[in-house]
Structures are given as structure tokens and as C-alpha cells.
């Protein structure tokens, strides 16, 4: 497996996990009662994107290591 393919695999895992993590633990402005003028009531109050991106990166790296190990052990031996 080339370096480019490894990076692409990591990017795919990262984006899939990010799209899974983004809607988790979201409270809308309507649920909290704190509506900001000019935003829809369905907008999240505090999406915590930085924390989610850190956890997604850690989890994606762990899954990437597992996938790379499987690829090298099974397909390249």
C-alpha cells in the first residue's frame, strides 16, 4: 500500500467518524430557550466542534492502525 493510499484511508475514516460525531450531544437553541437573533431555532447552542474533532482524530487513528495492520498482515505476506 502506498503512502497516498494510506493517507486517503485515514481521511475517509476521519470524515466518516466526523459525520457520525457531529449530531451527538447537540442541544438546540429551542431546547435551551436561548435564541440568538438571526439564527434558526434548530441551530445548536454549543456544538463543541473542537472537542469532537480531537476525539474523531484519536479514534480515526486507532481504526487506521488496525486497518493498516490487517492490510499488511493479510495482503502483504
C-alpha atoms as a PDB file:
ATOM      1  CA  UNK A   1       0.000   0.000   0.000  1.00  0.00           C
ATOM      2  CA  UNK A   2       1.378   3.371  -0.966  1.00  0.00           C
ATOM      3  CA  UNK A   3       1.671   6.380   1.299  1.00  0.00           C
ATOM      4  CA  UNK A   4      -1.026   8.161  -0.684  1.00  0.00           C
ATOM      5  CA  UNK A   5      -3.444   5.263  -0.239  1.00  0.00           C
ATOM      6  CA  UNK A   6      -2.727   5.230   3.498  1.00  0.00           C
ATOM      7  CA  UNK A   7      -3.481   8.957   3.766  1.00  0.00           C
ATOM      8  CA  UNK A   8      -6.676   8.545   1.753  1.00  0.00           C
ATOM      9  CA  UNK A   9      -7.783   5.683   4.027  1.00  0.00           C
ATOM     10  CA  UNK A  10      -7.174   7.852   7.093  1.00  0.00           C
ATOM     11  CA  UNK A  11      -9.080  10.783   5.549  1.00  0.00           C
ATOM     12  CA  UNK A  12     -12.056   8.597   4.684  1.00  0.00           C
ATOM     13  CA  UNK A  13     -12.174   7.146   8.199  1.00  0.00           C
ATOM     14  CA  UNK A  14     -11.816  10.636   9.699  1.00  0.00           C
ATOM     15  CA  UNK A  15     -14.674  12.157   7.701  1.00  0.00           C
ATOM     16  CA  UNK A  16     -17.000   9.198   8.285  1.00  0.00           C
ATOM     17  CA  UNK A  17     -16.403   9.414  12.031  1.00  0.00           C
ATOM     18  CA  UNK A  18     -16.803  13.201  11.982  1.00  0.00           C
ATOM     19  CA  UNK A  19     -20.194  12.950  10.295  1.00  0.00           C
ATOM     20  CA  UNK A  20     -21.216  10.375  12.898  1.00  0.00           C
ATOM     21  CA  UNK A  21     -19.991  12.510  15.815  1.00  0.00           C
ATOM     22  CA  UNK A  22     -21.351  15.909  14.767  1.00  0.00           C
ATOM     23  CA  UNK A  23     -25.009  15.338  15.709  1.00  0.00           C
ATOM     24  CA  UNK A  24     -24.179  13.685  19.050  1.00  0.00           C
ATOM     25  CA  UNK A  25     -24.988  15.591  22.276  1.00  0.00           C
ATOM     26  CA  UNK A  26     -26.413  18.612  20.478  1.00  0.00           C
ATOM     27  CA  UNK A  27     -28.886  20.875  22.234  1.00  0.00           C
ATOM     28  CA  UNK A  28     -30.706  23.308  20.015  1.00  0.00           C
ATOM     29  CA  UNK A  29     -31.463  26.902  20.891  1.00  0.00           C
ATOM     30  CA  UNK A  30     -35.139  25.984  21.084  1.00  0.00           C
ATOM     31  CA  UNK A  31     -34.463  23.282  23.707  1.00  0.00           C
ATOM     32  CA  UNK A  32     -32.401  25.602  25.911  1.00  0.00           C
ATOM     33  CA  UNK A  33     -34.578  28.676  25.411  1.00  0.00           C
ATOM     34  CA  UNK A  34     -31.627  30.894  24.456  1.00  0.00           C
ATOM     35  CA  UNK A  35     -32.383  32.020  20.920  1.00  0.00           C
ATOM     36  CA  UNK A  36     -29.875  34.316  19.227  1.00  0.00           C
ATOM     37  CA  UNK A  37     -31.385  36.863  16.852  1.00  0.00           C
ATOM     38  CA  UNK A  38     -30.882  35.966  13.198  1.00  0.00           C
ATOM     39  CA  UNK A  39     -30.428  32.231  13.717  1.00  0.00           C
ATOM     40  CA  UNK A  40     -32.956  29.431  13.344  1.00  0.00           C
ATOM     41  CA  UNK A  41     -34.286  27.835  16.490  1.00  0.00           C
ATOM     42  CA  UNK A  42     -32.844  24.498  15.338  1.00  0.00           C
ATOM     43  CA  UNK A  43     -29.276  25.854  15.426  1.00  0.00           C
ATOM     44  CA  UNK A  44     -27.067  24.250  18.081  1.00  0.00           C
ATOM     45  CA  UNK A  45     -26.263  26.330  21.118  1.00  0.00           C
ATOM     46  CA  UNK A  46     -22.791  24.878  21.764  1.00  0.00           C
ATOM     47  CA  UNK A  47     -21.734  22.288  19.155  1.00  0.00           C
ATOM     48  CA  UNK A  48     -18.309  21.616  20.797  1.00  0.00           C
ATOM     49  CA  UNK A  49     -16.671  21.091  17.411  1.00  0.00           C
ATOM     50  CA  UNK A  50     -13.058  21.285  18.645  1.00  0.00           C
ATOM     51  CA  UNK A  51     -13.576  18.546  21.226  1.00  0.00           C
ATOM     52  CA  UNK A  52     -15.356  16.358  18.692  1.00  0.00           C
ATOM     53  CA  UNK A  53     -12.580  16.836  16.155  1.00  0.00           C
ATOM     54  CA  UNK A  54      -9.945  15.788  18.697  1.00  0.00           C
ATOM     55  CA  UNK A  55     -11.869  12.637  19.640  1.00  0.00           C
ATOM     56  CA  UNK A  56     -12.580  11.852  15.986  1.00  0.00           C
ATOM     57  CA  UNK A  57      -8.872  12.183  15.176  1.00  0.00           C
ATOM     58  CA  UNK A  58      -7.883   9.858  18.028  1.00  0.00           C
ATOM     59  CA  UNK A  59     -10.486   7.263  17.103  1.00  0.00           C
ATOM     60  CA  UNK A  60      -9.716   7.513  13.382  1.00  0.00           C
ATOM     61  CA  UNK A  61      -6.023   6.997  14.101  1.00  0.00           C
ATOM     62  CA  UNK A  62      -6.750   3.887  16.179  1.00  0.00           C
ATOM     63  CA  UNK A  63      -9.025   2.439  13.497  1.00  0.00           C
ATOM     64  CA  UNK A  64      -6.479   3.363  10.825  1.00  0.00           C
ATOM     65  CA  UNK A  65      -3.751   1.485  12.708  1.00  0.00           C
ATOM     66  CA  UNK A  66      -5.980  -1.584  12.956  1.00  0.00           C
ATOM     67  CA  UNK A  67      -6.839  -1.396   9.261  1.00  0.00           C
ATOM     68  CA  UNK A  68      -3.205  -0.931   8.238  1.00  0.00           C
ATOM     69  CA  UNK A  69      -2.132  -3.853  10.405  1.00  0.00           C
ATOM     70  CA  UNK A  70      -4.768  -6.088   8.830  1.00  0.00           C
ATOM     71  CA  UNK A  71      -3.817  -4.947   5.343  1.00  0.00           C
ATOM     72  CA  UNK A  72      -0.112  -5.591   5.879  1.00  0.00           C
ATOM     73  CA  UNK A  73      -0.569  -8.930   7.688  1.00  0.00           C
ATOM     74  CA  UNK A  74      -3.121 -10.452   5.356  1.00  0.00           C
ATOM     75  CA  UNK A  75      -2.419  -8.980   1.953  1.00  0.00           C
ATOM     76  CA  UNK A  76       1.316  -8.344   2.003  1.00  0.00           C
ATOM     77  CA  UNK A  77       2.658 -11.582   3.486  1.00  0.00           C
END
